[in-house]
Amino acid sequence: MRIVAIKVLRDFWMRHPVAKPHLEAWIDEVRKANWQQPAEIKALYRNASVLKNRRVVFNIKGNDYRLIAAVAYRFGAVYIKFIGTHEDYDAIDAETVEMEL
């Protein structure tokens, strides 16, 4: 899968260095994936939450951080919509949030 807006993740781990190895591992796994349907994501990330609008919430570093991505299965792309702490996540609507670029 191709990850769109990966710079957002790099910017995040500059502010939260402890997240860096966990986000790098997520990036490596996603790049190797070829997801065709949500069940394939759940098979790899059993704690991921599949939302409507092709969005998926990933728990990063034991749920210390939350990453929301929109998955375009047909195009093989994952679009980063949000990365933040659990507290940041609680303050947003996961189904509509968009990254501010």
Protein backbone atom coordinates (compact mmCIF):
# COMPACT_ATOMS: atom_id res chain seq x y z
CA MET A 1 0.00 0.00 0.00
CA ARG A 2 1.11 3.55 -0.68
CA ILE A 3 0.90 5.92 2.28
CA VAL A 4 -0.22 9.46 1.51
CA ALA A 5 0.78 12.30 3.87
CA ILE A 6 3.53 10.30 5.58
CA LYS A 7 5.24 13.60 6.49
CA VAL A 8 2.46 14.11 9.04
CA LEU A 9 3.68 10.98 10.85
CA ARG A 10 7.30 12.17 10.78
CA ASP A 11 6.27 15.56 12.15
CA PHE A 12 4.33 13.80 14.90
CA TRP A 13 7.25 11.63 16.04
CA MET A 14 9.48 14.70 16.15
CA ARG A 15 7.11 16.03 18.84
CA HIS A 16 6.58 12.57 20.41
CA PRO A 17 9.91 10.69 19.97
CA VAL A 18 8.68 7.63 21.89
CA ALA A 19 6.15 7.06 19.06
CA LYS A 20 8.82 6.90 16.34
CA PRO A 21 9.69 3.16 16.37
CA HIS A 22 6.01 2.22 16.61
CA LEU A 23 5.04 4.45 13.68
CA GLU A 24 8.01 3.24 11.64
CA ALA A 25 6.90 -0.36 12.24
CA TRP A 26 3.35 0.55 11.17
CA ILE A 27 4.69 2.23 8.01
CA ASP A 28 6.77 -0.85 7.12
CA GLU A 29 3.82 -3.20 7.63
CA VAL A 30 1.41 -1.05 5.62
CA ARG A 31 3.85 -0.63 2.73
CA LYS A 32 4.15 -4.42 2.48
CA ALA A 33 0.38 -4.94 2.60
CA ASN A 34 -2.02 -5.23 -0.31
CA TRP A 35 -5.34 -4.85 1.42
CA GLN A 36 -8.44 -5.50 -0.67
CA GLN A 37 -11.03 -5.37 2.13
CA PRO A 38 -11.31 -4.38 5.80
CA ALA A 39 -11.14 -8.00 7.00
CA GLU A 40 -7.52 -8.14 5.81
CA ILE A 41 -6.64 -5.17 7.99
CA LYS A 42 -8.40 -6.76 10.98
CA ALA A 43 -6.43 -9.96 10.40
CA LEU A 44 -3.17 -8.03 10.88
CA TYR A 45 -4.42 -5.47 13.42
CA ARG A 46 -7.09 -7.15 15.50
CA ASN A 47 -7.53 -4.04 17.67
CA ALA A 48 -8.10 -1.75 14.70
CA SER A 49 -11.57 -0.24 14.42
CA VAL A 50 -13.17 -0.16 10.98
CA LEU A 51 -15.42 2.88 10.54
CA LYS A 52 -17.61 4.03 7.68
CA ASN A 53 -16.13 6.02 4.79
CA ARG A 54 -13.36 3.39 4.46
CA ARG A 55 -11.70 4.73 7.62
CA VAL A 56 -9.72 2.66 10.06
CA VAL A 57 -8.49 3.61 13.54
CA PHE A 58 -5.16 2.03 14.46
CA ASN A 59 -3.89 1.84 18.03
CA ILE A 60 -0.21 2.80 18.14
CA LYS A 61 2.12 1.96 21.04
CA GLY A 62 -0.39 0.03 23.06
CA ASN A 63 -3.15 2.56 22.45
CA ASP A 64 -1.09 5.57 23.66
CA TYR A 65 -1.61 7.07 20.20
CA ARG A 66 -4.37 6.80 17.62
CA LEU A 67 -3.92 6.93 13.87
CA ILE A 68 -6.89 7.32 11.54
CA ALA A 69 -6.48 6.45 7.89
CA ALA A 70 -8.81 6.25 4.93
CA VAL A 71 -8.06 3.19 2.81
CA ALA A 72 -8.62 3.30 -0.95
CA TYR A 73 -8.56 -0.43 -1.57
CA ARG A 74 -8.93 -0.16 -5.35
CA PHE A 75 -5.99 2.22 -5.64
CA GLY A 76 -3.79 0.61 -3.02
CA ALA A 77 -3.48 3.80 -0.99
CA VAL A 78 -3.76 4.74 2.66
CA TYR A 79 -4.47 8.40 3.43
CA ILE A 80 -3.49 9.67 6.86
CA LYS A 81 -6.41 11.61 8.35
CA PHE A 82 -5.28 11.98 11.96
CA ILE A 83 -2.47 11.10 14.35
CA GLY A 84 -2.59 12.08 17.98
CA THR A 85 -2.60 11.07 21.59
CA HIS A 86 -5.56 9.22 23.01
CA GLU A 87 -6.68 12.51 24.59
CA ASP A 88 -6.45 14.29 21.19
CA TYR A 89 -8.49 11.47 19.65
CA ASP A 90 -11.23 11.85 22.24
CA ALA A 91 -11.70 15.47 21.13
CA ILE A 92 -12.33 14.75 17.42
CA ASP A 93 -14.90 12.98 15.23
CA ALA A 94 -13.04 10.00 13.77
CA GLU A 95 -15.48 9.70 10.88
CA THR A 96 -14.95 13.24 9.58
CA VAL A 97 -11.58 14.52 10.80
CA GLU A 98 -9.14 15.72 8.12
CA MET A 99 -5.44 16.51 8.47
CA GLU A 100 -4.52 20.15 8.33
CA LEU A 101 -1.68 20.29 5.83
